Amino acid sequence: GGLLLEWQSEKNGFAPDIAVLYTRYNTQLRNAD
């Protein structure tokens, strides 16, 4: 979750955006035990 900015073109559907997010990427390393 976080904030974003979008540039919406007035001539067509082109709308690039940039965001700054806090991301919880939930993965862990597991050994043989």
PDB file of all heavy atoms in Angstrom:
ATOM      1  N   GLY A   1       0.821  -1.204   0.000  1.00  0.00           N
ATOM      2  CA  GLY A   1       0.000   0.000   0.000  1.00  0.00           C
ATOM      3  C   GLY A   1       0.851   1.248   0.000  1.00  0.00           C
ATOM      4  O   GLY A   1       1.982   1.248   0.490  1.00  0.00           O
ATOM      5  N   GLY A   2       0.300   2.322  -0.598  1.00  0.00           N
ATOM      6  CA  GLY A   2       1.032   3.575  -0.620  1.00  0.00           C
ATOM      7  C   GLY A   2       0.405   4.597  -1.544  1.00  0.00           C
ATOM      8  O   GLY A   2      -0.788   4.522  -1.863  1.00  0.00           O
ATOM      9  N   LEU A   3       1.215   5.536  -2.009  1.00  0.00           N
ATOM     10  CA  LEU A   3       0.767   6.663  -2.821  1.00  0.00           C
ATOM     11  C   LEU A   3       1.189   6.492  -4.268  1.00  0.00           C
ATOM     12  O   LEU A   3       2.197   5.844  -4.561  1.00  0.00           O
ATOM     13  CB  LEU A   3       1.360   7.965  -2.271  1.00  0.00           C
ATOM     14  CG  LEU A   3       1.100   8.269  -0.801  1.00  0.00           C
ATOM     15  CD1 LEU A   3       1.866   9.517  -0.385  1.00  0.00           C
ATOM     16  CD2 LEU A   3      -0.385   8.429  -0.532  1.00  0.00           C
ATOM     17  N   LEU A   4       0.420   7.098  -5.169  1.00  0.00           N
ATOM     18  CA  LEU A   4       0.783   7.041  -6.581  1.00  0.00           C
ATOM     19  C   LEU A   4       0.443   8.355  -7.275  1.00  0.00           C
ATOM     20  O   LEU A   4      -0.413   9.120  -6.828  1.00  0.00           O
ATOM     21  CB  LEU A   4       0.100   5.872  -7.295  1.00  0.00           C
ATOM     22  CG  LEU A   4      -1.410   5.897  -7.533  1.00  0.00           C
ATOM     23  CD1 LEU A   4      -1.734   6.582  -8.856  1.00  0.00           C
ATOM     24  CD2 LEU A   4      -1.981   4.494  -7.541  1.00  0.00           C
ATOM     25  N   LEU A   5       1.131   8.582  -8.396  1.00  0.00           N
ATOM     26  CA  LEU A   5       0.845   9.682  -9.316  1.00  0.00           C
ATOM     27  C   LEU A   5       0.585   9.097 -10.686  1.00  0.00           C
ATOM     28  O   LEU A   5       1.287   8.173 -11.119  1.00  0.00           O
ATOM     29  CB  LEU A   5       2.015  10.661  -9.395  1.00  0.00           C
ATOM     30  CG  LEU A   5       2.301  11.537  -8.174  1.00  0.00           C
ATOM     31  CD1 LEU A   5       3.582  12.331  -8.401  1.00  0.00           C
ATOM     32  CD2 LEU A   5       1.138  12.482  -7.903  1.00  0.00           C
ATOM     33  N   GLU A   6      -0.413   9.612 -11.379  1.00  0.00           N
ATOM     34  CA  GLU A   6      -0.744   9.154 -12.730  1.00  0.00           C
ATOM     35  C   GLU A   6      -0.781  10.350 -13.680  1.00  0.00           C
ATOM     36  O   GLU A   6      -1.308  11.407 -13.343  1.00  0.00           O
ATOM     37  CB  GLU A   6      -2.102   8.445 -12.737  1.00  0.00           C
ATOM     38  CG  GLU A   6      -2.514   7.945 -14.124  1.00  0.00           C
ATOM     39  CD  GLU A   6      -3.942   7.431 -14.167  1.00  0.00           C
ATOM     40  OE1 GLU A   6      -4.868   8.267 -14.271  1.00  0.00           O
ATOM     41  OE2 GLU A   6      -4.128   6.206 -14.085  1.00  0.00           O
ATOM     42  N   TRP A   7      -0.215  10.158 -14.863  1.00  0.00           N
ATOM     43  CA  TRP A   7      -0.295  11.160 -15.923  1.00  0.00           C
ATOM     44  C   TRP A   7      -1.290  10.654 -16.966  1.00  0.00           C
ATOM     45  O   TRP A   7      -0.972   9.756 -17.745  1.00  0.00           O
ATOM     46  CB  TRP A   7       1.074  11.368 -16.576  1.00  0.00           C
ATOM     47  CG  TRP A   7       2.039  12.144 -15.750  1.00  0.00           C
ATOM     48  CD1 TRP A   7       2.318  13.474 -15.827  1.00  0.00           C
ATOM     49  CD2 TRP A   7       2.893  11.639 -14.721  1.00  0.00           C
ATOM     50  NE1 TRP A   7       3.277  13.831 -14.913  1.00  0.00           N
ATOM     51  CE2 TRP A   7       3.650  12.723 -14.215  1.00  0.00           C
ATOM     52  CE3 TRP A   7       3.095  10.371 -14.158  1.00  0.00           C
ATOM     53  CZ2 TRP A   7       4.590  12.569 -13.197  1.00  0.00           C
ATOM     54  CZ3 TRP A   7       4.012  10.224 -13.148  1.00  0.00           C
ATOM     55  CH2 TRP A   7       4.752  11.319 -12.677  1.00  0.00           C
ATOM     56  N   GLN A   8      -2.480  11.212 -16.971  1.00  0.00           N
ATOM     57  CA  GLN A   8      -3.532  10.779 -17.888  1.00  0.00           C
ATOM     58  C   GLN A   8      -3.493  11.639 -19.145  1.00  0.00           C
ATOM     59  O   GLN A   8      -3.735  12.843 -19.099  1.00  0.00           O
ATOM     60  CB  GLN A   8      -4.900  10.889 -17.232  1.00  0.00           C
ATOM     61  CG  GLN A   8      -6.085  10.620 -18.159  1.00  0.00           C
ATOM     62  CD  GLN A   8      -6.090   9.194 -18.674  1.00  0.00           C
ATOM     63  OE1 GLN A   8      -6.236   8.245 -17.910  1.00  0.00           O
ATOM     64  NE2 GLN A   8      -5.932   9.024 -19.977  1.00  0.00           N
ATOM     65  N   SER A   9      -3.168  11.028 -20.291  1.00  0.00           N
ATOM     66  CA  SER A   9      -3.130  11.764 -21.541  1.00  0.00           C
ATOM     67  C   SER A   9      -4.532  12.220 -21.926  1.00  0.00           C
ATOM     68  O   SER A   9      -5.503  11.471 -21.789  1.00  0.00           O
ATOM     69  CB  SER A   9      -2.552  10.881 -22.661  1.00  0.00           C
ATOM     70  OG  SER A   9      -2.659  11.531 -23.908  1.00  0.00           O
ATOM     71  N   GLU A  10      -4.630  13.443 -22.415  1.00  0.00           N
ATOM     72  CA  GLU A  10      -5.924  13.978 -22.843  1.00  0.00           C
ATOM     73  C   GLU A  10      -6.280  13.540 -24.257  1.00  0.00           C
ATOM     74  O   GLU A  10      -7.416  13.712 -24.695  1.00  0.00           O
ATOM     75  CB  GLU A  10      -5.896  15.505 -22.762  1.00  0.00           C
ATOM     76  CG  GLU A  10      -5.695  16.034 -21.347  1.00  0.00           C
ATOM     77  CD  GLU A  10      -5.624  17.553 -21.300  1.00  0.00           C
ATOM     78  OE1 GLU A  10      -5.681  18.176 -22.381  1.00  0.00           O
ATOM     79  OE2 GLU A  10      -5.514  18.115 -20.198  1.00  0.00           O
ATOM     80  N   LYS A  11      -5.320  12.977 -24.991  1.00  0.00           N
ATOM     81  CA  LYS A  11      -5.540  12.623 -26.393  1.00  0.00           C
ATOM     82  C   LYS A  11      -5.848  11.147 -26.609  1.00  0.00           C
ATOM     83  O   LYS A  11      -6.438  10.769 -27.609  1.00  0.00           O
ATOM     84  CB  LYS A  11      -4.311  13.008 -27.217  1.00  0.00           C
ATOM     85  CG  LYS A  11      -4.024  14.510 -27.209  1.00  0.00           C
ATOM     86  CD  LYS A  11      -2.796  14.825 -28.047  1.00  0.00           C
ATOM     87  CE  LYS A  11      -2.519  16.319 -28.065  1.00  0.00           C
ATOM     88  NZ  LYS A  11      -1.312  16.660 -28.876  1.00  0.00           N
ATOM     89  N   ASN A  12      -5.407  10.291 -25.682  1.00  0.00           N
ATOM     90  CA  ASN A  12      -5.636   8.851 -25.846  1.00  0.00           C
ATOM     91  C   ASN A  12      -5.649   8.189 -24.468  1.00  0.00           C
ATOM     92  O   ASN A  12      -5.727   8.862 -23.451  1.00  0.00           O
ATOM     93  CB  ASN A  12      -4.547   8.237 -26.744  1.00  0.00           C
ATOM     94  CG  ASN A  12      -3.147   8.601 -26.283  1.00  0.00           C
ATOM     95  OD1 ASN A  12      -2.836   8.476 -25.102  1.00  0.00           O
ATOM     96  ND2 ASN A  12      -2.298   9.069 -27.196  1.00  0.00           N
ATOM     97  N   GLY A  13      -5.551   6.878 -24.446  1.00  0.00           N
ATOM     98  CA  GLY A  13      -5.626   6.159 -23.174  1.00  0.00           C
ATOM     99  C   GLY A  13      -4.294   5.930 -22.490  1.00  0.00           C
ATOM    100  O   GLY A  13      -4.222   5.167 -21.526  1.00  0.00           O
ATOM    101  N   PHE A  14      -3.233   6.571 -22.967  1.00  0.00           N
ATOM    102  CA  PHE A  14      -1.921   6.397 -22.366  1.00  0.00           C
ATOM    103  C   PHE A  14      -1.889   7.064 -20.992  1.00  0.00           C
ATOM    104  O   PHE A  14      -2.171   8.256 -20.869  1.00  0.00           O
ATOM    105  CB  PHE A  14      -0.849   6.991 -23.280  1.00  0.00           C
ATOM    106  CG  PHE A  14       0.557   6.658 -22.862  1.00  0.00           C
ATOM    107  CD1 PHE A  14       0.964   5.336 -22.734  1.00  0.00           C
ATOM    108  CD2 PHE A  14       1.471   7.664 -22.604  1.00  0.00           C
ATOM    109  CE1 PHE A  14       2.257   5.023 -22.352  1.00  0.00           C
ATOM    110  CE2 PHE A  14       2.774   7.357 -22.222  1.00  0.00           C
ATOM    111  CZ  PHE A  14       3.171   6.031 -22.096  1.00  0.00           C
ATOM    112  N   ALA A  15      -1.544   6.301 -19.943  1.00  0.00           N
ATOM    113  CA  ALA A  15      -1.597   6.834 -18.575  1.00  0.00           C
ATOM    114  C   ALA A  15      -0.510   6.203 -17.715  1.00  0.00           C
ATOM    115  O   ALA A  15      -0.781   5.344 -16.875  1.00  0.00           O
ATOM    116  CB  ALA A  15      -2.969   6.586 -17.962  1.00  0.00           C
ATOM    117  N   PRO A  16       0.758   6.594 -17.887  1.00  0.00           N
ATOM    118  CA  PRO A  16       1.822   6.058 -17.038  1.00  0.00           C
ATOM    119  C   PRO A  16       1.647   6.501 -15.599  1.00  0.00           C
ATOM    120  O   PRO A  16       1.060   7.550 -15.329  1.00  0.00           O
ATOM    121  CB  PRO A  16       3.098   6.656 -17.661  1.00  0.00           C
ATOM    122  CG  PRO A  16       2.629   7.892 -18.350  1.00  0.00           C
ATOM    123  CD  PRO A  16       1.247   7.596 -18.836  1.00  0.00           C
ATOM    124  N   ASP A  17       2.147   5.682 -14.676  1.00  0.00           N
ATOM    125  CA  ASP A  17       2.075   6.074 -13.269  1.00  0.00           C
ATOM    126  C   ASP A  17       3.331   5.636 -12.523  1.00  0.00           C
ATOM    127  O   ASP A  17       4.096   4.781 -12.989  1.00  0.00           O
ATOM    128  CB  ASP A  17       0.808   5.544 -12.590  1.00  0.00           C
ATOM    129  CG  ASP A  17       0.760   4.037 -12.460  1.00  0.00           C
ATOM    130  OD1 ASP A  17       1.825   3.415 -12.276  1.00  0.00           O
ATOM    131  OD2 ASP A  17      -0.332   3.454 -12.523  1.00  0.00           O
ATOM    132  N   ILE A  18       3.541   6.248 -11.383  1.00  0.00           N
ATOM    133  CA  ILE A  18       4.630   5.896 -10.478  1.00  0.00           C
ATOM    134  C   ILE A  18       4.053   5.828  -9.072  1.00  0.00           C
ATOM    135  O   ILE A  18       3.185   6.629  -8.712  1.00  0.00           O
ATOM    136  CB  ILE A  18       5.790   6.915 -10.559  1.00  0.00           C
ATOM    137  CG1 ILE A  18       6.920   6.516  -9.594  1.00  0.00           C
ATOM    138  CG2 ILE A  18       5.306   8.332 -10.268  1.00  0.00           C
ATOM    139  CD1 ILE A  18       8.173   7.360  -9.749  1.00  0.00           C
ATOM    140  N   ALA A  19       4.508   4.850  -8.290  1.00  0.00           N
ATOM    141  CA  ALA A  19       3.992   4.685  -6.935  1.00  0.00           C
ATOM    142  C   ALA A  19       5.148   4.468  -5.966  1.00  0.00           C
ATOM    143  O   ALA A  19       6.230   3.999  -6.350  1.00  0.00           O
ATOM    144  CB  ALA A  19       3.021   3.513  -6.864  1.00  0.00           C
ATOM    145  N   VAL A  20       4.924   4.823  -4.710  1.00  0.00           N
ATOM    146  CA  VAL A  20       5.852   4.511  -3.623  1.00  0.00           C
ATOM    147  C   VAL A  20       5.046   3.722  -2.593  1.00  0.00           C
ATOM    148  O   VAL A  20       4.094   4.247  -2.005  1.00  0.00           O
ATOM    149  CB  VAL A  20       6.448   5.781  -2.997  1.00  0.00           C
ATOM    150  CG1 VAL A  20       7.362   5.417  -1.838  1.00  0.00           C
ATOM    151  CG2 VAL A  20       7.199   6.602  -4.038  1.00  0.00           C
ATOM    152  N   LEU A  21       5.433   2.470  -2.383  1.00  0.00           N
ATOM    153  CA  LEU A  21       4.633   1.544  -1.599  1.00  0.00           C
ATOM    154  C   LEU A  21       5.448   0.908  -0.480  1.00  0.00           C
ATOM    155  O   LEU A  21       6.661   0.684  -0.620  1.00  0.00           O
ATOM    156  CB  LEU A  21       4.094   0.414  -2.496  1.00  0.00           C
ATOM    157  CG  LEU A  21       3.439   0.804  -3.822  1.00  0.00           C
ATOM    158  CD1 LEU A  21       3.198  -0.446  -4.657  1.00  0.00           C
ATOM    159  CD2 LEU A  21       2.134   1.543  -3.564  1.00  0.00           C
ATOM    160  N   TYR A  22       4.765   0.600   0.623  1.00  0.00           N
ATOM    161  CA  TYR A  22       5.325  -0.334   1.597  1.00  0.00           C
ATOM    162  C   TYR A  22       4.816  -1.711   1.190  1.00  0.00           C
ATOM    163  O   TYR A  22       3.608  -1.922   1.036  1.00  0.00           O
ATOM    164  CB  TYR A  22       4.865  -0.017   3.020  1.00  0.00           C
ATOM    165  CG  TYR A  22       5.189  -1.140   3.973  1.00  0.00           C
ATOM    166  CD1 TYR A  22       6.495  -1.333   4.422  1.00  0.00           C
ATOM    167  CD2 TYR A  22       4.212  -2.039   4.379  1.00  0.00           C
ATOM    168  CE1 TYR A  22       6.814  -2.386   5.270  1.00  0.00           C
ATOM    169  CE2 TYR A  22       4.507  -3.094   5.225  1.00  0.00           C
ATOM    170  CZ  TYR A  22       5.818  -3.256   5.666  1.00  0.00           C
ATOM    171  OH  TYR A  22       6.128  -4.311   6.500  1.00  0.00           O
ATOM    172  N   THR A  23       5.745  -2.652   1.007  1.00  0.00           N
ATOM    173  CA  THR A  23       5.373  -3.994   0.557  1.00  0.00           C
ATOM    174  C   THR A  23       5.870  -5.040   1.548  1.00  0.00           C
ATOM    175  O   THR A  23       7.057  -5.043   1.911  1.00  0.00           O
ATOM    176  CB  THR A  23       5.956  -4.287  -0.836  1.00  0.00           C
ATOM    177  OG1 THR A  23       5.367  -3.399  -1.790  1.00  0.00           O
ATOM    178  CG2 THR A  23       5.673  -5.720  -1.265  1.00  0.00           C
ATOM    179  N   ARG A  24       4.973  -5.893   1.964  1.00  0.00           N
ATOM    180  CA  ARG A  24       5.320  -7.043   2.805  1.00  0.00           C
ATOM    181  C   ARG A  24       5.414  -8.257   1.885  1.00  0.00           C
ATOM    182  O   ARG A  24       4.400  -8.827   1.473  1.00  0.00           O
ATOM    183  CB  ARG A  24       4.248  -7.256   3.867  1.00  0.00           C
ATOM    184  CG  ARG A  24       4.449  -8.506   4.729  1.00  0.00           C
ATOM    185  CD  ARG A  24       5.534  -8.323   5.747  1.00  0.00           C
ATOM    186  NE  ARG A  24       5.491  -9.387   6.755  1.00  0.00           N
ATOM    187  CZ  ARG A  24       6.306  -9.462   7.789  1.00  0.00           C
ATOM    188  NH1 ARG A  24       7.222  -8.526   7.969  1.00  0.00           N
ATOM    189  NH2 ARG A  24       6.215 -10.444   8.654  1.00  0.00           N
ATOM    190  N   TYR A  25       6.645  -8.610   1.522  1.00  0.00           N
ATOM    191  CA  TYR A  25       6.898  -9.744   0.633  1.00  0.00           C
ATOM    192  C   TYR A  25       7.210 -10.948   1.511  1.00  0.00           C
ATOM    193  O   TYR A  25       8.310 -11.076   2.048  1.00  0.00           O
ATOM    194  CB  TYR A  25       8.057  -9.405  -0.314  1.00  0.00           C
ATOM    195  CG  TYR A  25       8.328 -10.449  -1.362  1.00  0.00           C
ATOM    196  CD1 TYR A  25       7.602 -10.469  -2.546  1.00  0.00           C
ATOM    197  CD2 TYR A  25       9.308 -11.407  -1.176  1.00  0.00           C
ATOM    198  CE1 TYR A  25       7.846 -11.432  -3.515  1.00  0.00           C
ATOM    199  CE2 TYR A  25       9.566 -12.370  -2.128  1.00  0.00           C
ATOM    200  CZ  TYR A  25       8.837 -12.384  -3.303  1.00  0.00           C
ATOM    201  OH  TYR A  25       9.080 -13.335  -4.273  1.00  0.00           O
ATOM    202  N   ASN A  26       6.242 -11.822   1.668  1.00  0.00           N
ATOM    203  CA  ASN A  26       6.273 -12.815   2.738  1.00  0.00           C
ATOM    204  C   ASN A  26       6.823 -14.159   2.260  1.00  0.00           C
ATOM    205  O   ASN A  26       6.069 -15.050   1.852  1.00  0.00           O
ATOM    206  CB  ASN A  26       4.862 -12.986   3.302  1.00  0.00           C
ATOM    207  CG  ASN A  26       4.883 -13.548   4.709  1.00  0.00           C
ATOM    208  OD1 ASN A  26       5.926 -13.832   5.266  1.00  0.00           O
ATOM    209  ND2 ASN A  26       3.706 -13.702   5.285  1.00  0.00           N
ATOM    210  N   THR A  27       8.148 -14.292   2.314  1.00  0.00           N
ATOM    211  CA  THR A  27       8.776 -15.579   1.996  1.00  0.00           C
ATOM    212  C   THR A  27       9.890 -15.852   2.995  1.00  0.00           C
ATOM    213  O   THR A  27      10.533 -14.913   3.500  1.00  0.00           O
ATOM    214  CB  THR A  27       9.320 -15.598   0.556  1.00  0.00           C
ATOM    215  OG1 THR A  27       9.780 -16.906   0.231  1.00  0.00           O
ATOM    216  CG2 THR A  27      10.447 -14.598   0.379  1.00  0.00           C
ATOM    217  N   GLN A  28      10.112 -17.127   3.315  1.00  0.00           N
ATOM    218  CA  GLN A  28      11.134 -17.515   4.275  1.00  0.00           C
ATOM    219  C   GLN A  28      11.900 -18.723   3.754  1.00  0.00           C
ATOM    220  O   GLN A  28      11.395 -19.494   2.931  1.00  0.00           O
ATOM    221  CB  GLN A  28      10.501 -17.861   5.626  1.00  0.00           C
ATOM    222  CG  GLN A  28       9.853 -16.685   6.338  1.00  0.00           C
ATOM    223  CD  GLN A  28       9.187 -17.113   7.636  1.00  0.00           C
ATOM    224  OE1 GLN A  28       8.264 -17.928   7.643  1.00  0.00           O
ATOM    225  NE2 GLN A  28       9.649 -16.566   8.748  1.00  0.00           N
ATOM    226  N   LEU A  29      13.130 -18.871   4.250  1.00  0.00           N
ATOM    227  CA  LEU A  29      13.975 -20.006   3.891  1.00  0.00           C
ATOM    228  C   LEU A  29      13.716 -21.149   4.867  1.00  0.00           C
ATOM    229  O   LEU A  29      13.676 -20.941   6.083  1.00  0.00           O
ATOM    230  CB  LEU A  29      15.450 -19.587   3.940  1.00  0.00           C
ATOM    231  CG  LEU A  29      16.468 -20.614   3.437  1.00  0.00           C
ATOM    232  CD1 LEU A  29      16.338 -20.784   1.928  1.00  0.00           C
ATOM    233  CD2 LEU A  29      17.884 -20.180   3.806  1.00  0.00           C
ATOM    234  N   ARG A  30      13.547 -22.376   4.332  1.00  0.00           N
ATOM    235  CA  ARG A  30      13.270 -23.539   5.174  1.00  0.00           C
ATOM    236  C   ARG A  30      14.343 -24.599   4.942  1.00  0.00           C
ATOM    237  O   ARG A  30      14.643 -24.943   3.784  1.00  0.00           O
ATOM    238  CB  ARG A  30      11.883 -24.089   4.843  1.00  0.00           C
ATOM    239  CG  ARG A  30      11.479 -25.314   5.640  1.00  0.00           C
ATOM    240  CD  ARG A  30       9.997 -25.602   5.485  1.00  0.00           C
ATOM    241  NE  ARG A  30       9.586 -25.618   4.089  1.00  0.00           N
ATOM    242  CZ  ARG A  30       8.306 -25.547   3.693  1.00  0.00           C
ATOM    243  NH1 ARG A  30       7.341 -25.443   4.596  1.00  0.00           N
ATOM    244  NH2 ARG A  30       8.000 -25.576   2.412  1.00  0.00           N
ATOM    245  N   ASN A  31      14.937 -25.123   6.025  1.00  0.00           N
ATOM    246  CA  ASN A  31      15.962 -26.160   5.871  1.00  0.00           C
ATOM    247  C   ASN A  31      15.338 -27.550   5.868  1.00  0.00           C
ATOM    248  O   ASN A  31      14.106 -27.701   5.945  1.00  0.00           O
ATOM    249  CB  ASN A  31      17.044 -26.028   6.954  1.00  0.00           C
ATOM    250  CG  ASN A  31      16.499 -26.288   8.357  1.00  0.00           C
ATOM    251  OD1 ASN A  31      15.422 -26.874   8.537  1.00  0.00           O
ATOM    252  ND2 ASN A  31      17.236 -25.858   9.375  1.00  0.00           N
ATOM    253  N   ALA A  32      16.179 -28.561   5.800  1.00  0.00           N
ATOM    254  CA  ALA A  32      15.692 -29.941   5.680  1.00  0.00           C
ATOM    255  C   ALA A  32      14.919 -30.378   6.919  1.00  0.00           C
ATOM    256  O   ALA A  32      14.089 -31.295   6.851  1.00  0.00           O
ATOM    257  CB  ALA A  32      16.873 -30.880   5.431  1.00  0.00           C
ATOM    258  N   ASP A  33      15.171 -29.745   8.072  1.00  0.00           N
ATOM    259  CA  ASP A  33      14.462 -30.090   9.308  1.00  0.00           C
ATOM    260  C   ASP A  33      13.150 -29.322   9.466  1.00  0.00           C
ATOM    261  O   ASP A  33      12.466 -29.479  10.478  1.00  0.00           O
ATOM    262  CB  ASP A  33      15.360 -29.795  10.516  1.00  0.00           C
ATOM    263  CG  ASP A  33      16.610 -30.670  10.521  1.00  0.00           C
ATOM    264  OD1 ASP A  33      16.507 -31.837  10.097  1.00  0.00           O
ATOM    265  OD2 ASP A  33      17.679 -30.177  10.920  1.00  0.00           O
TER     266      ASP A  33
END
